[in-house]
Amino acid sequence: MRKVLAISLSALLFLSACGGAEEGKSAGQEGVFDSVKVKVEDQETAPEVEFDAPLDITESAAKIVHTGDGDEVADGQSITFKFVALSADDASVLGDTYAQTASTLPVNDMLKEQDPVLYEVLLGAKVGSQIAYAFPDAQAEASGEDAADQPTQVMVLNVLSAQDTVPVLEKDEAAARNADGTLLMSQDDVAALEADGKLPKVTFGEDGVPAVEIPEDAAEPEKLIVKVLEEGDGAVVEETGTVKANYLGVGLRDGETFDSSYEQGEAVEFPLDGVISGWTYGLAGQKAGSKVLLVIPTELAYGDPAQRGPSGPLVFVVDIEEVK
């Protein structure tokens, strides 16, 4: 989690039920966020955050500073979130991710092991809650510089949604689904769509950035379409693995770009079991170095109407740089 947030912060400066978490629930360094106050306008706007600066953060700390009114986050679910980052030294705003697509974070045993403080506060927190979170070496981890030379950053995370994580398919189950077409469209059918001019067309510029042309009157597919545009020869992506990739996302209905790592200037690292189902099923089994076209039905994307991302069927071009 720290690595994910550190990467996000770096980009700013150039993702079983338990008892409900009440406002004020905290973990880690005691009392560090007692003066933090947030004013929430709506879920689409970065909140106004105030606190008595400087905050002396010597160890990880997290606290619910505003309680939402949604469902409680359960163990094994994934949350989507956006955040605002502030300097612990003077409470100045360093940036926020509210203009970007929400990030996803699984609240599972891996998070519990890697960041027990954040896990404890997220578990049982209600959707819509704002959570103050910080650890001393955030900037150093993002920049590779000495922590002593960098101001500690405080993040206030807005929990936008919580949903069950995509179940991991066993290899024989995945093969069966692929064979009978219950989840993935067969490659013969994909080839037929392409021959009929009904498959999105992908071109790459001299700089390697893809462009997608949506066919006229494009229909939402009933199954997930996966087409390997260029096959790599690197490590194979596991269903629970982590990949580093560049990607472009456009809506199938309007062809408009809604997200692009190319515009952010760097590839993104993410766990395959913490993203939308279409990515999990579509990228599992692919190789590092591959470029893949995904045409994702609404039910395997964000839903329609979407609560945490663009609505309707989506098209992604994913360039898998590295498998971890």
Protein backbone atom coordinates (compact mmCIF):
# COMPACT_ATOMS: atom_id res chain seq x y z
CA MET A 1 0.00 0.00 0.00
CA ARG A 2 2.80 2.40 0.87
CA LYS A 3 4.40 1.83 -2.51
CA VAL A 4 1.11 2.45 -4.31
CA LEU A 5 0.49 5.70 -2.45
CA ALA A 6 4.09 6.79 -2.81
CA ILE A 7 3.87 6.38 -6.57
CA SER A 8 0.67 8.41 -6.61
CA LEU A 9 2.25 11.14 -4.54
CA SER A 10 5.25 11.24 -6.82
CA ALA A 11 2.92 11.76 -9.78
CA LEU A 12 1.16 14.59 -7.95
CA LEU A 13 4.41 16.45 -7.53
CA PHE A 14 5.66 16.66 -11.23
CA LEU A 15 -6.33 0.02 -5.25
CA SER A 16 -16.07 -10.93 6.60
CA ALA A 17 -17.83 -7.91 7.98
CA CYS A 18 -16.89 -6.63 11.35
CA GLY A 19 -18.34 -4.09 13.71
CA GLY A 20 -18.84 -0.58 12.37
CA ALA A 21 -16.00 1.90 12.73
CA GLU A 22 -17.06 5.07 14.51
CA GLU A 23 -15.62 8.48 13.79
CA GLY A 24 -12.39 8.80 15.71
CA LYS A 25 -11.31 5.18 15.36
CA SER A 26 -7.54 5.20 15.03
CA ALA A 27 -4.49 2.99 14.95
CA GLY A 28 -0.75 3.48 15.10
CA GLN A 29 0.80 6.57 16.66
CA GLU A 30 -1.63 7.87 19.25
CA GLY A 31 -3.09 11.35 19.14
CA VAL A 32 -1.28 12.56 16.04
CA PHE A 33 -4.50 13.34 14.15
CA ASP A 34 -6.54 14.69 17.06
CA SER A 35 -6.57 18.22 15.60
CA VAL A 36 -7.49 17.16 12.04
CA LYS A 37 -10.82 18.51 10.81
CA VAL A 38 -12.33 18.03 7.34
CA LYS A 39 -15.13 19.86 5.58
CA VAL A 40 -16.77 17.61 2.97
CA GLU A 41 -18.72 19.20 0.14
CA ASP A 42 -19.45 16.07 -1.91
CA GLN A 43 -17.74 12.88 -3.07
CA GLU A 44 -16.40 14.49 -6.24
CA THR A 45 -14.63 17.42 -4.57
CA ALA A 46 -11.47 17.35 -2.49
CA PRO A 47 -12.33 18.18 1.14
CA GLU A 48 -10.98 21.15 3.04
CA VAL A 49 -8.56 19.86 5.65
CA GLU A 50 -7.25 21.74 8.68
CA PHE A 51 -4.96 20.71 11.52
CA ASP A 52 -2.56 22.22 14.02
CA ALA A 53 0.78 22.13 12.24
CA PRO A 54 3.35 20.82 12.43
CA LEU A 55 2.35 17.21 13.05
CA ASP A 56 5.16 15.19 14.59
CA ILE A 57 4.70 11.85 12.84
CA THR A 58 7.24 9.32 14.03
CA GLU A 59 5.39 6.14 13.06
CA SER A 60 2.46 5.06 10.91
CA ALA A 61 -0.90 6.49 11.90
CA ALA A 62 -4.46 6.36 10.60
CA LYS A 63 -7.75 7.76 11.89
CA ILE A 64 -11.33 8.17 10.67
CA VAL A 65 -11.82 11.94 10.66
CA HIS A 66 -15.22 11.97 8.94
CA THR A 67 -17.76 9.13 8.99
CA GLY A 68 -19.66 8.24 5.84
CA ASP A 69 -23.15 6.80 5.61
CA GLY A 70 -22.55 3.87 3.27
CA ASP A 71 -21.95 0.16 3.81
CA GLU A 72 -19.14 -1.03 6.02
CA VAL A 73 -15.90 -2.23 4.48
CA ALA A 74 -15.49 -5.97 5.03
CA ASP A 75 -12.39 -8.10 5.05
CA GLY A 76 -11.64 -9.43 1.57
CA GLN A 77 -13.33 -6.54 -0.23
CA SER A 78 -11.63 -3.91 -2.37
CA ILE A 79 -12.17 -0.20 -1.85
CA THR A 80 -11.89 2.59 -4.37
CA PHE A 81 -10.56 5.88 -3.10
CA LYS A 82 -9.26 9.32 -3.93
CA PHE A 83 -7.13 11.44 -1.67
CA VAL A 84 -5.76 14.87 -0.92
CA ALA A 85 -2.14 15.19 0.21
CA LEU A 86 -0.92 17.84 2.65
CA SER A 87 2.38 18.76 4.24
CA ALA A 88 2.62 17.71 7.87
CA ASP A 89 4.91 20.70 8.42
CA ASP A 90 2.50 23.52 7.57
CA ALA A 91 -0.82 21.92 6.47
CA SER A 92 -0.40 23.23 2.91
CA VAL A 93 -2.12 21.26 0.15
CA LEU A 94 0.39 19.45 -2.07
CA GLY A 95 -2.15 18.01 -4.51
CA ASP A 96 -5.04 15.59 -4.88
CA THR A 97 -6.29 12.79 -7.14
CA TYR A 98 -9.89 13.97 -7.51
CA ALA A 99 -9.45 14.72 -11.21
CA GLN A 100 -8.18 11.19 -11.82
CA THR A 101 -9.85 7.79 -11.93
CA ALA A 102 -10.21 6.33 -8.44
CA SER A 103 -7.50 3.97 -7.19
CA THR A 104 -8.32 0.49 -5.92
CA LEU A 105 -7.01 -1.21 -2.79
CA PRO A 106 -7.84 -4.72 -1.55
CA VAL A 107 -8.53 -4.85 2.18
CA ASN A 108 -7.17 -8.33 2.72
CA ASP A 109 -4.48 -10.37 4.45
CA MET A 110 -1.78 -8.85 2.26
CA LEU A 111 -2.69 -5.32 3.40
CA LYS A 112 -2.97 -6.56 6.98
CA GLU A 113 0.59 -7.87 6.76
CA GLN A 114 2.07 -4.91 4.87
CA ASP A 115 0.23 -2.10 6.64
CA PRO A 116 -1.69 -3.27 9.72
CA VAL A 117 -2.41 0.31 10.81
CA LEU A 118 -4.33 1.24 7.67
CA TYR A 119 -5.98 -2.20 7.52
CA GLU A 120 -7.31 -1.85 11.07
CA VAL A 121 -8.89 1.54 10.38
CA LEU A 122 -10.33 0.62 6.97
CA LEU A 123 -11.96 -2.56 8.28
CA GLY A 124 -15.50 -1.63 9.30
CA ALA A 125 -15.20 1.95 8.06
CA LYS A 126 -18.27 3.14 6.15
CA VAL A 127 -18.22 4.11 2.50
CA GLY A 128 -17.99 7.90 2.33
CA SER A 129 -15.60 8.10 5.27
CA GLN A 130 -12.50 10.27 5.19
CA ILE A 131 -9.41 8.67 6.70
CA ALA A 132 -6.27 10.57 7.69
CA TYR A 133 -3.19 8.49 7.05
CA ALA A 134 0.56 9.06 7.18
CA PHE A 135 3.89 7.37 7.66
CA PRO A 136 7.24 9.13 8.10
CA ASP A 137 9.02 7.95 4.95
CA ALA A 138 6.28 8.65 2.35
CA GLN A 139 8.26 11.17 0.35
CA ALA A 140 11.53 9.32 0.65
CA GLU A 141 9.93 6.16 -0.69
CA ALA A 142 8.41 8.09 -3.58
CA SER A 143 11.57 9.91 -4.57
CA GLY A 144 14.36 7.64 -3.42
CA GLU A 145 15.86 10.48 -1.36
CA ASP A 146 16.76 10.61 2.30
CA ALA A 147 13.64 10.89 4.48
CA ALA A 148 15.30 13.61 6.52
CA ASP A 149 15.33 15.89 3.47
CA GLN A 150 11.63 15.45 2.70
CA PRO A 151 8.50 16.72 4.49
CA THR A 152 6.19 14.05 5.83
CA GLN A 153 2.91 14.02 3.96
CA VAL A 154 -0.55 13.49 5.38
CA MET A 155 -3.12 11.88 3.12
CA VAL A 156 -6.86 12.10 3.67
CA LEU A 157 -8.42 9.16 1.84
CA ASN A 158 -12.04 9.33 0.68
CA VAL A 159 -13.52 5.81 0.60
CA LEU A 160 -15.76 5.96 -2.46
CA SER A 161 -16.96 2.36 -2.62
CA ALA A 162 -16.40 -1.14 -1.32
CA GLN A 163 -17.08 -4.26 -3.33
CA ASP A 164 -16.27 -7.94 -3.26
CA THR A 165 -12.93 -8.75 -4.84
CA VAL A 166 -13.04 -10.72 -8.07
CA PRO A 167 -12.79 -14.42 -7.20
CA VAL A 168 -9.60 -16.05 -8.39
CA LEU A 169 -10.18 -18.77 -10.97
CA GLU A 170 -8.35 -22.05 -10.66
CA LYS A 171 -6.42 -22.92 -13.80
CA ASP A 172 -8.80 -25.71 -14.85
CA GLU A 173 -11.84 -23.51 -14.19
CA ALA A 174 -10.34 -20.66 -16.20
CA ALA A 175 -9.60 -23.03 -19.07
CA ALA A 176 -13.15 -24.38 -18.97
CA ARG A 177 -14.67 -20.92 -19.02
CA ASN A 178 -12.49 -19.94 -21.93
CA ALA A 179 -13.42 -23.10 -23.83
CA ASP A 180 -17.19 -22.82 -23.50
CA GLY A 181 -17.29 -19.04 -23.84
CA THR A 182 -19.15 -18.39 -20.59
CA LEU A 183 -16.72 -15.61 -19.65
CA LEU A 184 -14.26 -14.98 -22.49
CA MET A 185 -15.21 -14.65 -26.14
CA SER A 186 -13.53 -17.33 -28.24
CA GLN A 187 -10.65 -16.23 -30.43
CA ASP A 188 -12.57 -17.42 -33.50
CA ASP A 189 -15.42 -15.05 -32.63
CA VAL A 190 -12.95 -12.23 -31.96
CA ALA A 191 -11.38 -12.84 -35.39
CA ALA A 192 -14.85 -12.80 -36.99
CA LEU A 193 -15.64 -9.44 -35.36
CA GLU A 194 -12.37 -8.03 -36.63
CA ALA A 195 -13.02 -9.32 -40.15
CA ASP A 196 -16.46 -7.67 -40.11
CA GLY A 197 -14.98 -4.35 -38.94
CA LYS A 198 -16.79 -4.56 -35.59
CA LEU A 199 -13.73 -4.68 -33.35
CA PRO A 200 -12.10 -1.46 -32.07
CA LYS A 201 -9.05 -0.65 -34.16
CA VAL A 202 -5.80 0.18 -32.38
CA THR A 203 -2.89 2.12 -33.86
CA PHE A 204 0.34 3.20 -32.20
CA GLY A 205 2.08 6.52 -32.79
CA GLU A 206 5.81 6.95 -33.21
CA ASP A 207 6.01 7.65 -29.49
CA GLY A 208 4.30 4.34 -28.72
CA VAL A 209 1.08 5.93 -27.49
CA PRO A 210 -1.99 4.03 -28.71
CA ALA A 211 -5.12 5.45 -30.32
CA VAL A 212 -8.45 3.61 -30.51
CA GLU A 213 -11.02 3.92 -33.27
CA ILE A 214 -14.48 2.69 -32.28
CA PRO A 215 -16.56 1.09 -35.07
CA GLU A 216 -19.79 2.86 -35.98
CA ASP A 217 -22.75 1.53 -33.98
CA ALA A 218 -20.46 -0.60 -31.84
CA ALA A 219 -22.47 -3.06 -29.76
CA GLU A 220 -21.62 -4.07 -26.20
CA PRO A 221 -20.16 -7.59 -26.21
CA GLU A 222 -21.87 -10.27 -24.18
CA LYS A 223 -18.48 -11.68 -23.20
CA LEU A 224 -15.04 -10.29 -22.47
CA ILE A 225 -13.00 -9.71 -25.63
CA VAL A 226 -9.27 -10.25 -25.34
CA LYS A 227 -7.01 -9.71 -28.35
CA VAL A 228 -3.24 -9.87 -28.13
CA LEU A 229 -1.94 -7.09 -30.36
CA GLU A 230 1.69 -7.95 -29.76
CA GLU A 231 2.86 -10.93 -27.74
CA GLY A 232 5.77 -10.54 -25.37
CA ASP A 233 8.20 -13.18 -24.21
CA GLY A 234 8.45 -12.32 -20.53
CA ALA A 235 7.00 -13.77 -17.36
CA VAL A 236 3.37 -14.89 -17.33
CA VAL A 237 0.84 -12.84 -15.34
CA GLU A 238 -0.75 -14.81 -12.50
CA GLU A 239 -4.32 -14.17 -11.33
CA THR A 240 -3.00 -12.81 -8.03
CA GLY A 241 0.14 -11.26 -9.45
CA THR A 242 1.23 -7.65 -9.78
CA VAL A 243 1.95 -5.96 -13.08
CA LYS A 244 3.47 -2.69 -14.17
CA ALA A 245 1.76 -1.39 -17.29
CA ASN A 246 0.89 1.56 -19.43
CA TYR A 247 -2.74 1.76 -20.51
CA LEU A 248 -5.34 3.77 -22.37
CA GLY A 249 -9.04 3.55 -21.51
CA VAL A 250 -11.91 4.76 -23.72
CA GLY A 251 -15.66 4.32 -23.62
CA LEU A 252 -17.10 1.89 -26.16
CA ARG A 253 -20.21 4.02 -26.53
CA ASP A 254 -18.58 7.38 -27.22
CA GLY A 255 -14.93 6.63 -27.91
CA GLU A 256 -13.87 9.28 -25.38
CA THR A 257 -10.68 8.76 -23.37
CA PHE A 258 -11.42 8.62 -19.64
CA ASP A 259 -8.03 7.50 -18.33
CA SER A 260 -4.49 7.16 -19.65
CA SER A 261 -1.22 6.42 -17.92
CA TYR A 262 0.49 7.83 -21.00
CA GLU A 263 -0.87 11.26 -20.09
CA GLN A 264 0.46 10.83 -16.55
CA GLY A 265 3.91 10.13 -17.95
CA GLU A 266 4.64 6.80 -16.25
CA ALA A 267 3.50 3.20 -16.10
CA VAL A 268 1.30 2.13 -13.19
CA GLU A 269 1.85 -0.81 -10.85
CA PHE A 270 -1.21 -2.66 -9.56
CA PRO A 271 -2.28 -6.05 -8.14
CA LEU A 272 -4.38 -8.04 -10.59
CA ASP A 273 -6.83 -9.09 -7.86
CA GLY A 274 -7.53 -5.46 -6.95
CA VAL A 275 -8.86 -4.11 -10.24
CA ILE A 276 -12.06 -4.49 -12.28
CA SER A 277 -13.00 -8.02 -13.29
CA GLY A 278 -12.34 -7.39 -16.97
CA TRP A 279 -8.70 -6.62 -16.22
CA THR A 280 -8.30 -9.55 -13.84
CA TYR A 281 -9.66 -12.12 -16.28
CA GLY A 282 -8.31 -10.43 -19.40
CA LEU A 283 -4.70 -10.02 -18.30
CA ALA A 284 -4.22 -13.28 -16.38
CA GLY A 285 -2.11 -15.58 -18.52
CA GLN A 286 -0.61 -12.79 -20.62
CA LYS A 287 3.16 -12.24 -20.80
CA ALA A 288 5.35 -9.30 -19.91
CA GLY A 289 6.04 -7.33 -23.08
CA SER A 290 2.58 -8.01 -24.50
CA LYS A 291 0.19 -5.36 -25.75
CA VAL A 292 -3.42 -6.38 -25.23
CA LEU A 293 -6.80 -5.04 -26.35
CA LEU A 294 -9.64 -5.55 -23.86
CA VAL A 295 -13.28 -4.87 -24.71
CA ILE A 296 -15.09 -5.19 -21.40
CA PRO A 297 -18.85 -5.68 -20.88
CA THR A 298 -20.48 -3.40 -18.32
CA GLU A 299 -20.86 -6.17 -15.73
CA LEU A 300 -17.12 -6.82 -15.77
CA ALA A 301 -16.26 -3.09 -15.60
CA TYR A 302 -17.66 -0.51 -13.18
CA GLY A 303 -21.37 -1.17 -13.66
CA ASP A 304 -24.03 0.97 -15.33
CA PRO A 305 -24.62 3.53 -13.98
CA ALA A 306 -21.12 3.42 -12.52
CA GLN A 307 -20.59 4.42 -8.91
CA ARG A 308 -16.78 4.47 -8.98
CA GLY A 309 -15.67 4.92 -12.57
CA PRO A 310 -16.85 5.42 -16.15
CA SER A 311 -20.14 3.72 -16.93
CA GLY A 312 -20.97 1.22 -19.62
CA PRO A 313 -18.73 -1.07 -21.68
CA LEU A 314 -15.09 -0.05 -21.88
CA VAL A 315 -12.10 -0.50 -24.16
CA PHE A 316 -8.54 -0.71 -22.85
CA VAL A 317 -5.20 -1.02 -24.55
CA VAL A 318 -2.71 -2.40 -22.01
CA ASP A 319 1.05 -2.53 -22.53
CA ILE A 320 2.44 -4.93 -19.90
CA GLU A 321 5.93 -3.71 -19.08
CA GLU A 322 6.74 -5.92 -16.13
CA VAL A 323 5.32 -8.81 -14.12
CA LYS A 324 6.12 -8.97 -10.39
